[in-house]
Amino acid sequence: HPMPAAERLAGENNIIVSQVSGSGPG
């Protein structure tokens, strides 16, 4: 699950956020 700040940064850089490795809880 992406955090809001991560979603915003990914959108600004045309990145599909679901394909980024997450290091947060869960």
PDB file of all heavy atoms in Angstrom:
ATOM      1  N   HIS A   1       0.839  -1.197   0.000  1.00  0.00           N
ATOM      2  CA  HIS A   1       0.000   0.000   0.000  1.00  0.00           C
ATOM      3  C   HIS A   1       0.878   1.253   0.000  1.00  0.00           C
ATOM      4  O   HIS A   1       1.725   1.409   0.874  1.00  0.00           O
ATOM      5  CB  HIS A   1      -0.905  -0.003   1.223  1.00  0.00           C
ATOM      6  CG  HIS A   1      -1.729   1.228   1.353  1.00  0.00           C
ATOM      7  ND1 HIS A   1      -2.793   1.488   0.522  1.00  0.00           N
ATOM      8  CD2 HIS A   1      -1.623   2.287   2.193  1.00  0.00           C
ATOM      9  CE1 HIS A   1      -3.319   2.657   0.855  1.00  0.00           C
ATOM     10  NE2 HIS A   1      -2.631   3.150   1.869  1.00  0.00           N
ATOM     11  N   PRO A   2       0.720   2.160  -0.956  1.00  0.00           N
ATOM     12  CA  PRO A   2       1.571   3.362  -0.998  1.00  0.00           C
ATOM     13  C   PRO A   2       1.065   4.436  -0.046  1.00  0.00           C
ATOM     14  O   PRO A   2      -0.143   4.653   0.076  1.00  0.00           O
ATOM     15  CB  PRO A   2       1.462   3.815  -2.453  1.00  0.00           C
ATOM     16  CG  PRO A   2       0.102   3.357  -2.881  1.00  0.00           C
ATOM     17  CD  PRO A   2      -0.152   2.066  -2.148  1.00  0.00           C
ATOM     18  N   MET A   3       1.977   5.141   0.608  1.00  0.00           N
ATOM     19  CA  MET A   3       1.630   6.275   1.437  1.00  0.00           C
ATOM     20  C   MET A   3       1.345   7.478   0.527  1.00  0.00           C
ATOM     21  O   MET A   3       1.841   7.549  -0.609  1.00  0.00           O
ATOM     22  CB  MET A   3       2.771   6.600   2.405  1.00  0.00           C
ATOM     23  CG  MET A   3       3.171   5.402   3.279  1.00  0.00           C
ATOM     24  SD  MET A   3       1.796   4.773   4.273  1.00  0.00           S
ATOM     25  CE  MET A   3       1.698   6.057   5.530  1.00  0.00           C
ATOM     26  N   PRO A   4       0.537   8.456   0.984  1.00  0.00           N
ATOM     27  CA  PRO A   4       0.179   9.605   0.143  1.00  0.00           C
ATOM     28  C   PRO A   4       1.380  10.346  -0.425  1.00  0.00           C
ATOM     29  O   PRO A   4       1.387  10.718  -1.604  1.00  0.00           O
ATOM     30  CB  PRO A   4      -0.629  10.488   1.093  1.00  0.00           C
ATOM     31  CG  PRO A   4      -1.223   9.541   2.074  1.00  0.00           C
ATOM     32  CD  PRO A   4      -0.194   8.474   2.274  1.00  0.00           C
ATOM     33  N   ALA A   5       2.413  10.563   0.409  1.00  0.00           N
ATOM     34  CA  ALA A   5       3.590  11.293  -0.080  1.00  0.00           C
ATOM     35  C   ALA A   5       4.290  10.508  -1.183  1.00  0.00           C
ATOM     36  O   ALA A   5       4.807  11.078  -2.141  1.00  0.00           O
ATOM     37  CB  ALA A   5       4.559  11.567   1.069  1.00  0.00           C
ATOM     38  N   ALA A   6       4.290   9.166  -1.039  1.00  0.00           N
ATOM     39  CA  ALA A   6       4.916   8.332  -2.065  1.00  0.00           C
ATOM     40  C   ALA A   6       4.123   8.386  -3.363  1.00  0.00           C
ATOM     41  O   ALA A   6       4.694   8.447  -4.457  1.00  0.00           O
ATOM     42  CB  ALA A   6       5.013   6.886  -1.563  1.00  0.00           C
ATOM     43  N   GLU A   7       2.791   8.382  -3.248  1.00  0.00           N
ATOM     44  CA  GLU A   7       1.951   8.461  -4.447  1.00  0.00           C
ATOM     45  C   GLU A   7       2.175   9.763  -5.194  1.00  0.00           C
ATOM     46  O   GLU A   7       2.256   9.784  -6.430  1.00  0.00           O
ATOM     47  CB  GLU A   7       0.476   8.332  -4.062  1.00  0.00           C
ATOM     48  CG  GLU A   7       0.029   6.907  -3.807  1.00  0.00           C
ATOM     49  CD  GLU A   7      -1.483   6.782  -3.783  1.00  0.00           C
ATOM     50  OE1 GLU A   7      -2.127   7.580  -3.080  1.00  0.00           O
ATOM     51  OE2 GLU A   7      -2.004   5.904  -4.463  1.00  0.00           O
ATOM     52  N   ARG A   8       2.268  10.858  -4.434  1.00  0.00           N
ATOM     53  CA  ARG A   8       2.457  12.161  -5.083  1.00  0.00           C
ATOM     54  C   ARG A   8       3.787  12.200  -5.832  1.00  0.00           C
ATOM     55  O   ARG A   8       3.862  12.652  -6.978  1.00  0.00           O
ATOM     56  CB  ARG A   8       2.385  13.281  -4.043  1.00  0.00           C
ATOM     57  CG  ARG A   8       0.975  13.608  -3.589  1.00  0.00           C
ATOM     58  CD  ARG A   8       0.934  14.933  -2.848  1.00  0.00           C
ATOM     59  NE  ARG A   8       1.609  14.858  -1.568  1.00  0.00           N
ATOM     60  CZ  ARG A   8       0.990  14.561  -0.428  1.00  0.00           C
ATOM     61  NH1 ARG A   8      -0.303  14.264  -0.429  1.00  0.00           N
ATOM     62  NH2 ARG A   8       1.643  14.533   0.709  1.00  0.00           N
ATOM     63  N   LEU A   9       4.872  11.739  -5.165  1.00  0.00           N
ATOM     64  CA  LEU A   9       6.190  11.770  -5.795  1.00  0.00           C
ATOM     65  C   LEU A   9       6.232  10.857  -7.013  1.00  0.00           C
ATOM     66  O   LEU A   9       6.815  11.211  -8.042  1.00  0.00           O
ATOM     67  CB  LEU A   9       7.265  11.350  -4.781  1.00  0.00           C
ATOM     68  CG  LEU A   9       8.712  11.378  -5.285  1.00  0.00           C
ATOM     69  CD1 LEU A   9       9.093  12.793  -5.720  1.00  0.00           C
ATOM     70  CD2 LEU A   9       9.669  10.887  -4.201  1.00  0.00           C
ATOM     71  N   ALA A  10       5.599   9.689  -6.913  1.00  0.00           N
ATOM     72  CA  ALA A  10       5.577   8.771  -8.050  1.00  0.00           C
ATOM     73  C   ALA A  10       4.823   9.379  -9.224  1.00  0.00           C
ATOM     74  O   ALA A  10       5.253   9.279 -10.373  1.00  0.00           O
ATOM     75  CB  ALA A  10       4.932   7.444  -7.630  1.00  0.00           C
ATOM     76  N   GLY A  11       3.694  10.037  -8.924  1.00  0.00           N
ATOM     77  CA  GLY A  11       2.920  10.660  -9.991  1.00  0.00           C
ATOM     78  C   GLY A  11       3.684  11.755 -10.687  1.00  0.00           C
ATOM     79  O   GLY A  11       3.597  11.923 -11.914  1.00  0.00           O
ATOM     80  N   GLU A  12       4.463  12.523  -9.920  1.00  0.00           N
ATOM     81  CA  GLU A  12       5.239  13.618 -10.496  1.00  0.00           C
ATOM     82  C   GLU A  12       6.339  13.106 -11.425  1.00  0.00           C
ATOM     83  O   GLU A  12       6.810  13.839 -12.303  1.00  0.00           O
ATOM     84  CB  GLU A  12       5.868  14.462  -9.374  1.00  0.00           C
ATOM     85  CG  GLU A  12       4.847  15.230  -8.549  1.00  0.00           C
ATOM     86  CD  GLU A  12       5.467  15.834  -7.302  1.00  0.00           C
ATOM     87  OE1 GLU A  12       6.674  15.604  -7.068  1.00  0.00           O
ATOM     88  OE2 GLU A  12       4.738  16.530  -6.560  1.00  0.00           O
ATOM     89  N   ASN A  13       6.756  11.853 -11.232  1.00  0.00           N
ATOM     90  CA  ASN A  13       7.851  11.302 -12.024  1.00  0.00           C
ATOM     91  C   ASN A  13       7.402  10.167 -12.948  1.00  0.00           C
ATOM     92  O   ASN A  13       8.223   9.405 -13.450  1.00  0.00           O
ATOM     93  CB  ASN A  13       8.964  10.795 -11.093  1.00  0.00           C
ATOM     94  CG  ASN A  13       9.677  11.915 -10.373  1.00  0.00           C
ATOM     95  OD1 ASN A  13      10.600  12.520 -10.903  1.00  0.00           O
ATOM     96  ND2 ASN A  13       9.235  12.213  -9.150  1.00  0.00           N
ATOM     97  N   ASN A  14       6.073  10.059 -13.164  1.00  0.00           N
ATOM     98  CA  ASN A  14       5.521   9.056 -14.084  1.00  0.00           C
ATOM     99  C   ASN A  14       5.956   7.635 -13.739  1.00  0.00           C
ATOM    100  O   ASN A  14       6.335   6.844 -14.594  1.00  0.00           O
ATOM    101  CB  ASN A  14       5.914   9.383 -15.533  1.00  0.00           C
ATOM    102  CG  ASN A  14       5.355  10.706 -15.998  1.00  0.00           C
ATOM    103  OD1 ASN A  14       4.208  11.028 -15.696  1.00  0.00           O
ATOM    104  ND2 ASN A  14       6.147  11.472 -16.713  1.00  0.00           N
ATOM    105  N   ILE A  15       5.913   7.332 -12.445  1.00  0.00           N
ATOM    106  CA  ILE A  15       6.304   6.009 -11.971  1.00  0.00           C
ATOM    107  C   ILE A  15       5.058   5.238 -11.539  1.00  0.00           C
ATOM    108  O   ILE A  15       4.161   5.800 -10.909  1.00  0.00           O
ATOM    109  CB  ILE A  15       7.284   6.120 -10.790  1.00  0.00           C
ATOM    110  CG1 ILE A  15       8.645   6.626 -11.286  1.00  0.00           C
ATOM    111  CG2 ILE A  15       7.455   4.788 -10.065  1.00  0.00           C
ATOM    112  CD1 ILE A  15       9.629   6.871 -10.185  1.00  0.00           C
ATOM    113  N   ILE A  16       4.994   3.946 -11.902  1.00  0.00           N
ATOM    114  CA  ILE A  16       3.913   3.092 -11.428  1.00  0.00           C
ATOM    115  C   ILE A  16       4.258   2.676 -10.005  1.00  0.00           C
ATOM    116  O   ILE A  16       5.124   1.821  -9.777  1.00  0.00           O
ATOM    117  CB  ILE A  16       3.757   1.863 -12.336  1.00  0.00           C
ATOM    118  CG1 ILE A  16       3.460   2.308 -13.769  1.00  0.00           C
ATOM    119  CG2 ILE A  16       2.632   0.961 -11.824  1.00  0.00           C
ATOM    120  CD1 ILE A  16       3.435   1.172 -14.765  1.00  0.00           C
ATOM    121  N   VAL A  17       3.612   3.285  -9.049  1.00  0.00           N
ATOM    122  CA  VAL A  17       4.017   3.146  -7.657  1.00  0.00           C
ATOM    123  C   VAL A  17       3.884   1.709  -7.156  1.00  0.00           C
ATOM    124  O   VAL A  17       4.634   1.266  -6.289  1.00  0.00           O
ATOM    125  CB  VAL A  17       3.207   4.119  -6.773  1.00  0.00           C
ATOM    126  CG1 VAL A  17       1.758   3.699  -6.668  1.00  0.00           C
ATOM    127  CG2 VAL A  17       3.824   4.223  -5.382  1.00  0.00           C
ATOM    128  N   SER A  18       2.935   0.934  -7.730  1.00  0.00           N
ATOM    129  CA  SER A  18       2.735  -0.441  -7.269  1.00  0.00           C
ATOM    130  C   SER A  18       3.925  -1.338  -7.585  1.00  0.00           C
ATOM    131  O   SER A  18       4.051  -2.429  -7.036  1.00  0.00           O
ATOM    132  CB  SER A  18       1.469  -1.018  -7.899  1.00  0.00           C
ATOM    133  OG  SER A  18       1.589  -1.069  -9.307  1.00  0.00           O
ATOM    134  N   GLN A  19       4.803  -0.903  -8.484  1.00  0.00           N
ATOM    135  CA  GLN A  19       5.966  -1.715  -8.841  1.00  0.00           C
ATOM    136  C   GLN A  19       7.244  -1.262  -8.132  1.00  0.00           C
ATOM    137  O   GLN A  19       8.337  -1.677  -8.494  1.00  0.00           O
ATOM    138  CB  GLN A  19       6.164  -1.692 -10.361  1.00  0.00           C
ATOM    139  CG  GLN A  19       4.979  -2.303 -11.099  1.00  0.00           C
ATOM    140  CD  GLN A  19       5.231  -2.470 -12.580  1.00  0.00           C
ATOM    141  OE1 GLN A  19       6.370  -2.635 -13.008  1.00  0.00           O
ATOM    142  NE2 GLN A  19       4.175  -2.417 -13.373  1.00  0.00           N
ATOM    143  N   VAL A  20       7.084  -0.405  -7.124  1.00  0.00           N
ATOM    144  CA  VAL A  20       8.216   0.024  -6.302  1.00  0.00           C
ATOM    145  C   VAL A  20       8.261  -0.838  -5.043  1.00  0.00           C
ATOM    146  O   VAL A  20       7.227  -1.104  -4.433  1.00  0.00           O
ATOM    147  CB  VAL A  20       8.085   1.509  -5.920  1.00  0.00           C
ATOM    148  CG1 VAL A  20       9.208   1.925  -4.962  1.00  0.00           C
ATOM    149  CG2 VAL A  20       8.101   2.386  -7.161  1.00  0.00           C
ATOM    150  N   SER A  21       9.426  -1.286  -4.662  1.00  0.00           N
ATOM    151  CA  SER A  21       9.585  -2.106  -3.462  1.00  0.00           C
ATOM    152  C   SER A  21       9.330  -1.267  -2.225  1.00  0.00           C
ATOM    153  O   SER A  21       9.930  -0.208  -2.045  1.00  0.00           O
ATOM    154  CB  SER A  21      10.999  -2.713  -3.410  1.00  0.00           C
ATOM    155  OG  SER A  21      11.225  -3.555  -4.527  1.00  0.00           O
ATOM    156  N   GLY A  22       8.458  -1.736  -1.348  1.00  0.00           N
ATOM    157  CA  GLY A  22       8.113  -1.005  -0.136  1.00  0.00           C
ATOM    158  C   GLY A  22       8.892  -1.494   1.065  1.00  0.00           C
ATOM    159  O   GLY A  22       9.011  -2.703   1.294  1.00  0.00           O
ATOM    160  N   SER A  23       9.427  -0.563   1.852  1.00  0.00           N
ATOM    161  CA  SER A  23      10.196  -0.933   3.041  1.00  0.00           C
ATOM    162  C   SER A  23       9.469  -0.594   4.323  1.00  0.00           C
ATOM    163  O   SER A  23       9.983  -0.805   5.415  1.00  0.00           O
ATOM    164  CB  SER A  23      11.561  -0.208   3.034  1.00  0.00           C
ATOM    165  OG  SER A  23      11.377   1.200   3.083  1.00  0.00           O
ATOM    166  N   GLY A  24       8.246  -0.068   4.201  1.00  0.00           N
ATOM    167  CA  GLY A  24       7.479   0.286   5.375  1.00  0.00           C
ATOM    168  C   GLY A  24       6.795  -0.920   5.998  1.00  0.00           C
ATOM    169  O   GLY A  24       6.920  -2.060   5.509  1.00  0.00           O
ATOM    170  N   PRO A  25       6.061  -0.699   7.097  1.00  0.00           N
ATOM    171  CA  PRO A  25       5.349  -1.797   7.763  1.00  0.00           C
ATOM    172  C   PRO A  25       4.410  -2.497   6.788  1.00  0.00           C
ATOM    173  O   PRO A  25       3.654  -1.853   6.062  1.00  0.00           O
ATOM    174  CB  PRO A  25       4.575  -1.087   8.884  1.00  0.00           C
ATOM    175  CG  PRO A  25       5.322   0.186   9.117  1.00  0.00           C
ATOM    176  CD  PRO A  25       5.858   0.584   7.775  1.00  0.00           C
ATOM    177  N   GLY A  26       4.455  -3.835   6.754  1.00  0.00           N
ATOM    178  CA  GLY A  26       3.590  -4.584   5.861  1.00  0.00           C
ATOM    179  C   GLY A  26       3.896  -4.359   4.390  1.00  0.00           C
ATOM    180  O   GLY A  26       3.039  -4.580   3.533  1.00  0.00           O
TER     181      GLY A  26
END
